[in-house]
Amino acid sequence: MYKPITILLAALATLPAAAQLRQQPELTLEGANRLAGGAIDACRRQGRTIVVAVLDRGGNLVALQRADGVGPHNTEASRRKAYTALSTRTATLDLARRIQADTDARNLATLPELLLLGGGIPLLAHGQPVGAIGVAGGGGAANDHACALSAIGTLPELDQPVH
């Protein structure tokens, strides 16, 4: 009676340790810089100057680029927009609109790190979060959002958001 259980336990003990870990895609420095450059280029074509922040899945700043002449407050705004998108797994433009209609969601505005303005978009690869991009200074939430979307299009390894 104990023999089948012993065999089962022995078989389970021989499973490789890697089976206990998930394999996830990683956002590289090269990819983050490509995203940042793509956002700056997209806004520049519209005559706009921005700051763009790219975070990895853990919320760490990987890339930060600032076009000439952008107000200094936009640096922190871009990082917080990216953080908000990563944390909520929601584009900040959609989140800001949802908060206007949902009184329960308004409580998100009380969290100090979140910035509920358009321009932050979560980055996904094969449905898995790999980071987020945040754009600020482009002359409004919709403009910032559009530049961030354009940037995501420059990295084909990422899942492309539905507009």
C-alpha atoms as a PDB file:
ATOM      1  CA  MET A   1       0.000   0.000   0.000  1.00  0.00           C
ATOM      2  CA  TYR A   2       2.850   2.384   0.758  1.00  0.00           C
ATOM      3  CA  LYS A   3       4.716   1.463  -2.421  1.00  0.00           C
ATOM      4  CA  PRO A   4       2.500   3.476  -4.868  1.00  0.00           C
ATOM      5  CA  ILE A   5       2.660   6.536  -2.609  1.00  0.00           C
ATOM      6  CA  THR A   6       6.428   6.236  -2.282  1.00  0.00           C
ATOM      7  CA  ILE A   7       6.801   6.001  -6.069  1.00  0.00           C
ATOM      8  CA  LEU A   8       4.553   9.036  -6.557  1.00  0.00           C
ATOM      9  CA  LEU A   9       6.489  11.100  -4.021  1.00  0.00           C
ATOM     10  CA  ALA A  10       9.794  10.083  -5.564  1.00  0.00           C
ATOM     11  CA  ALA A  11       8.549  11.083  -9.022  1.00  0.00           C
ATOM     12  CA  LEU A  12       7.386  14.468  -7.762  1.00  0.00           C
ATOM     13  CA  ALA A  13      10.714  15.087  -6.052  1.00  0.00           C
ATOM     14  CA  THR A  14      12.552  14.637  -9.355  1.00  0.00           C
ATOM     15  CA  LEU A  15      10.663  17.431 -11.137  1.00  0.00           C
ATOM     16  CA  PRO A  16      13.057  20.179 -12.190  1.00  0.00           C
ATOM     17  CA  ALA A  17      13.128  23.296 -10.024  1.00  0.00           C
ATOM     18  CA  ALA A  18      12.483  25.453 -13.087  1.00  0.00           C
ATOM     19  CA  ALA A  19       8.990  24.036 -13.288  1.00  0.00           C
ATOM     20  CA  GLN A  20       8.221  26.127 -10.221  1.00  0.00           C
ATOM     21  CA  LEU A  21       9.096  29.405 -11.960  1.00  0.00           C
ATOM     22  CA  ARG A  22       7.188  31.269 -14.649  1.00  0.00           C
ATOM     23  CA  GLN A  23       8.985  32.280 -17.789  1.00  0.00           C
ATOM     24  CA  GLN A  24       8.153  35.886 -18.649  1.00  0.00           C
ATOM     25  CA  PRO A  25       9.365  38.228 -21.353  1.00  0.00           C
ATOM     26  CA  GLU A  26      11.550  41.110 -20.169  1.00  0.00           C
ATOM     27  CA  LEU A  27      11.708  44.686 -21.377  1.00  0.00           C
ATOM     28  CA  THR A  28      15.311  45.493 -22.284  1.00  0.00           C
ATOM     29  CA  LEU A  29      17.124  48.816 -22.097  1.00  0.00           C
ATOM     30  CA  GLU A  30      17.294  48.822 -25.890  1.00  0.00           C
ATOM     31  CA  GLY A  31      13.545  48.275 -26.118  1.00  0.00           C
ATOM     32  CA  ALA A  32      12.817  50.978 -23.531  1.00  0.00           C
ATOM     33  CA  ASN A  33      15.012  53.486 -25.372  1.00  0.00           C
ATOM     34  CA  ARG A  34      13.312  52.589 -28.647  1.00  0.00           C
ATOM     35  CA  LEU A  35       9.907  53.219 -27.065  1.00  0.00           C
ATOM     36  CA  ALA A  36      11.036  56.547 -25.609  1.00  0.00           C
ATOM     37  CA  GLY A  37      12.488  57.668 -28.931  1.00  0.00           C
ATOM     38  CA  GLY A  38       9.339  56.574 -30.748  1.00  0.00           C
ATOM     39  CA  ALA A  39       7.147  58.670 -28.457  1.00  0.00           C
ATOM     40  CA  ILE A  40       9.360  61.734 -28.830  1.00  0.00           C
ATOM     41  CA  ASP A  41       9.406  61.352 -32.622  1.00  0.00           C
ATOM     42  CA  ALA A  42       5.622  60.894 -32.802  1.00  0.00           C
ATOM     43  CA  CYS A  43       5.020  64.072 -30.802  1.00  0.00           C
ATOM     44  CA  ARG A  44       7.708  66.013 -32.678  1.00  0.00           C
ATOM     45  CA  ARG A  45       5.897  65.263 -35.968  1.00  0.00           C
ATOM     46  CA  GLN A  46       2.862  66.993 -34.421  1.00  0.00           C
ATOM     47  CA  GLY A  47       4.939  69.979 -33.304  1.00  0.00           C
ATOM     48  CA  ARG A  48       4.850  68.892 -29.656  1.00  0.00           C
ATOM     49  CA  THR A  49       7.641  68.355 -27.141  1.00  0.00           C
ATOM     50  CA  ILE A  50       7.337  65.771 -24.379  1.00  0.00           C
ATOM     51  CA  VAL A  51       8.995  63.821 -21.622  1.00  0.00           C
ATOM     52  CA  VAL A  52       8.647  60.032 -21.755  1.00  0.00           C
ATOM     53  CA  ALA A  53       9.325  57.490 -19.005  1.00  0.00           C
ATOM     54  CA  VAL A  54       9.490  53.733 -19.488  1.00  0.00           C
ATOM     55  CA  LEU A  55       9.245  51.377 -16.506  1.00  0.00           C
ATOM     56  CA  ASP A  56       9.888  47.655 -16.286  1.00  0.00           C
ATOM     57  CA  ARG A  57       7.406  45.178 -14.814  1.00  0.00           C
ATOM     58  CA  GLY A  58       8.648  45.941 -11.274  1.00  0.00           C
ATOM     59  CA  GLY A  59       8.060  49.692 -11.627  1.00  0.00           C
ATOM     60  CA  ASN A  60      11.758  50.500 -12.038  1.00  0.00           C
ATOM     61  CA  LEU A  61      12.670  53.369 -14.335  1.00  0.00           C
ATOM     62  CA  VAL A  62      14.474  51.942 -17.373  1.00  0.00           C
ATOM     63  CA  ALA A  63      14.471  54.943 -19.711  1.00  0.00           C
ATOM     64  CA  LEU A  64      13.668  58.631 -19.409  1.00  0.00           C
ATOM     65  CA  GLN A  65      13.973  61.038 -22.310  1.00  0.00           C
ATOM     66  CA  ARG A  66      13.065  64.697 -22.380  1.00  0.00           C
ATOM     67  CA  ALA A  67      12.755  66.875 -25.456  1.00  0.00           C
ATOM     68  CA  ASP A  68      14.206  70.382 -25.287  1.00  0.00           C
ATOM     69  CA  GLY A  69      12.047  73.030 -23.678  1.00  0.00           C
ATOM     70  CA  VAL A  70       9.641  70.807 -21.744  1.00  0.00           C
ATOM     71  CA  GLY A  71       8.575  72.056 -18.305  1.00  0.00           C
ATOM     72  CA  PRO A  72      10.354  70.315 -15.413  1.00  0.00           C
ATOM     73  CA  HIS A  73       7.130  69.079 -13.774  1.00  0.00           C
ATOM     74  CA  ASN A  74       6.523  66.840 -16.775  1.00  0.00           C
ATOM     75  CA  THR A  75       9.428  64.566 -15.868  1.00  0.00           C
ATOM     76  CA  GLU A  76       7.739  63.348 -12.702  1.00  0.00           C
ATOM     77  CA  ALA A  77       4.328  63.384 -14.398  1.00  0.00           C
ATOM     78  CA  SER A  78       5.543  60.996 -17.103  1.00  0.00           C
ATOM     79  CA  ARG A  79       6.947  58.586 -14.519  1.00  0.00           C
ATOM     80  CA  ARG A  80       3.759  58.664 -12.447  1.00  0.00           C
ATOM     81  CA  LYS A  81       1.582  58.109 -15.513  1.00  0.00           C
ATOM     82  CA  ALA A  82       3.663  55.042 -16.397  1.00  0.00           C
ATOM     83  CA  TYR A  83       3.486  53.819 -12.787  1.00  0.00           C
ATOM     84  CA  THR A  84      -0.306  54.287 -12.732  1.00  0.00           C
ATOM     85  CA  ALA A  85      -0.723  52.347 -15.984  1.00  0.00           C
ATOM     86  CA  LEU A  86       1.518  49.552 -14.708  1.00  0.00           C
ATOM     87  CA  SER A  87      -0.134  49.368 -11.294  1.00  0.00           C
ATOM     88  CA  THR A  88      -3.705  49.381 -12.587  1.00  0.00           C
ATOM     89  CA  ARG A  89      -2.960  47.581 -15.884  1.00  0.00           C
ATOM     90  CA  THR A  90      -5.095  50.224 -17.520  1.00  0.00           C
ATOM     91  CA  ALA A  91      -4.360  53.091 -19.878  1.00  0.00           C
ATOM     92  CA  THR A  92      -4.516  56.236 -17.775  1.00  0.00           C
ATOM     93  CA  LEU A  93      -6.770  57.999 -20.296  1.00  0.00           C
ATOM     94  CA  ASP A  94      -9.340  55.203 -19.869  1.00  0.00           C
ATOM     95  CA  LEU A  95      -8.873  55.267 -16.103  1.00  0.00           C
ATOM     96  CA  ALA A  96      -9.414  59.029 -15.914  1.00  0.00           C
ATOM     97  CA  ARG A  97     -12.615  58.715 -17.934  1.00  0.00           C
ATOM     98  CA  ARG A  98     -13.851  55.820 -15.791  1.00  0.00           C
ATOM     99  CA  ILE A  99     -13.306  57.816 -12.605  1.00  0.00           C
ATOM    100  CA  GLN A 100     -15.586  60.572 -13.873  1.00  0.00           C
ATOM    101  CA  ALA A 101     -18.434  58.074 -14.147  1.00  0.00           C
ATOM    102  CA  ASP A 102     -17.718  55.769 -11.184  1.00  0.00           C
ATOM    103  CA  THR A 103     -17.769  57.276  -7.698  1.00  0.00           C
ATOM    104  CA  ASP A 104     -16.059  54.217  -6.177  1.00  0.00           C
ATOM    105  CA  ALA A 105     -13.142  54.532  -8.598  1.00  0.00           C
ATOM    106  CA  ARG A 106     -12.586  58.149  -7.503  1.00  0.00           C
ATOM    107  CA  ASN A 107     -10.817  56.814  -4.435  1.00  0.00           C
ATOM    108  CA  LEU A 108      -7.859  56.021  -6.697  1.00  0.00           C
ATOM    109  CA  ALA A 109      -7.175  59.745  -6.835  1.00  0.00           C
ATOM    110  CA  THR A 110      -6.274  59.637  -3.142  1.00  0.00           C
ATOM    111  CA  LEU A 111      -3.295  57.326  -3.685  1.00  0.00           C
ATOM    112  CA  PRO A 112      -0.195  59.530  -3.784  1.00  0.00           C
ATOM    113  CA  GLU A 113       1.760  57.726  -6.542  1.00  0.00           C
ATOM    114  CA  LEU A 114      -1.103  57.491  -9.037  1.00  0.00           C
ATOM    115  CA  LEU A 115      -1.618  60.203 -11.637  1.00  0.00           C
ATOM    116  CA  LEU A 116      -4.979  59.975 -13.325  1.00  0.00           C
ATOM    117  CA  LEU A 117      -4.178  61.829 -16.541  1.00  0.00           C
ATOM    118  CA  GLY A 118      -3.974  60.364 -20.027  1.00  0.00           C
ATOM    119  CA  GLY A 119      -0.552  59.408 -21.356  1.00  0.00           C
ATOM    120  CA  GLY A 120       0.255  56.195 -19.463  1.00  0.00           C
ATOM    121  CA  ILE A 121      -0.158  52.803 -21.119  1.00  0.00           C
ATOM    122  CA  PRO A 122       0.720  49.350 -19.774  1.00  0.00           C
ATOM    123  CA  LEU A 123       3.116  47.327 -21.928  1.00  0.00           C
ATOM    124  CA  LEU A 124       2.198  43.696 -22.557  1.00  0.00           C
ATOM    125  CA  ALA A 125       3.975  40.882 -24.392  1.00  0.00           C
ATOM    126  CA  HIS A 126       1.952  37.704 -25.018  1.00  0.00           C
ATOM    127  CA  GLY A 127      -0.597  39.012 -22.533  1.00  0.00           C
ATOM    128  CA  GLN A 128       2.013  39.365 -19.774  1.00  0.00           C
ATOM    129  CA  PRO A 129       2.876  42.769 -18.292  1.00  0.00           C
ATOM    130  CA  VAL A 130       6.459  43.808 -19.063  1.00  0.00           C
ATOM    131  CA  GLY A 131       6.255  47.462 -18.022  1.00  0.00           C
ATOM    132  CA  ALA A 132       4.580  50.740 -18.894  1.00  0.00           C
ATOM    133  CA  ILE A 133       5.175  53.953 -20.803  1.00  0.00           C
ATOM    134  CA  GLY A 134       4.214  57.430 -19.625  1.00  0.00           C
ATOM    135  CA  VAL A 135       4.156  60.588 -21.732  1.00  0.00           C
ATOM    136  CA  ALA A 136       3.694  64.133 -20.414  1.00  0.00           C
ATOM    137  CA  GLY A 137       3.932  67.649 -21.796  1.00  0.00           C
ATOM    138  CA  GLY A 138       2.305  67.081 -25.183  1.00  0.00           C
ATOM    139  CA  GLY A 139      -0.472  69.622 -24.733  1.00  0.00           C
ATOM    140  CA  GLY A 140      -3.154  67.467 -23.160  1.00  0.00           C
ATOM    141  CA  ALA A 141      -4.101  63.965 -22.137  1.00  0.00           C
ATOM    142  CA  ALA A 142      -5.303  62.856 -25.569  1.00  0.00           C
ATOM    143  CA  ASN A 143      -2.090  64.048 -27.232  1.00  0.00           C
ATOM    144  CA  ASP A 144       0.086  62.316 -24.636  1.00  0.00           C
ATOM    145  CA  HIS A 145      -1.931  59.114 -25.059  1.00  0.00           C
ATOM    146  CA  ALA A 146      -1.598  59.217 -28.856  1.00  0.00           C
ATOM    147  CA  CYS A 147       2.191  59.639 -28.672  1.00  0.00           C
ATOM    148  CA  ALA A 148       2.472  56.715 -26.250  1.00  0.00           C
ATOM    149  CA  LEU A 149       0.362  54.548 -28.575  1.00  0.00           C
ATOM    150  CA  SER A 150       2.587  55.473 -31.512  1.00  0.00           C
ATOM    151  CA  ALA A 151       5.646  54.458 -29.512  1.00  0.00           C
ATOM    152  CA  ILE A 152       4.221  51.020 -28.734  1.00  0.00           C
ATOM    153  CA  GLY A 153       3.839  50.487 -32.471  1.00  0.00           C
ATOM    154  CA  THR A 154       7.629  50.794 -32.866  1.00  0.00           C
ATOM    155  CA  LEU A 155       8.236  47.606 -30.860  1.00  0.00           C
ATOM    156  CA  PRO A 156       6.534  44.684 -32.665  1.00  0.00           C
ATOM    157  CA  GLU A 157       7.297  42.284 -29.786  1.00  0.00           C
ATOM    158  CA  LEU A 158       4.674  44.089 -27.699  1.00  0.00           C
ATOM    159  CA  ASP A 159       0.969  43.383 -27.845  1.00  0.00           C
ATOM    160  CA  GLN A 160      -0.573  46.299 -29.705  1.00  0.00           C
ATOM    161  CA  PRO A 161      -3.334  48.050 -27.701  1.00  0.00           C
ATOM    162  CA  VAL A 162      -6.772  48.337 -29.187  1.00  0.00           C
ATOM    163  CA  HIS A 163      -7.367  52.008 -29.932  1.00  0.00           C
END
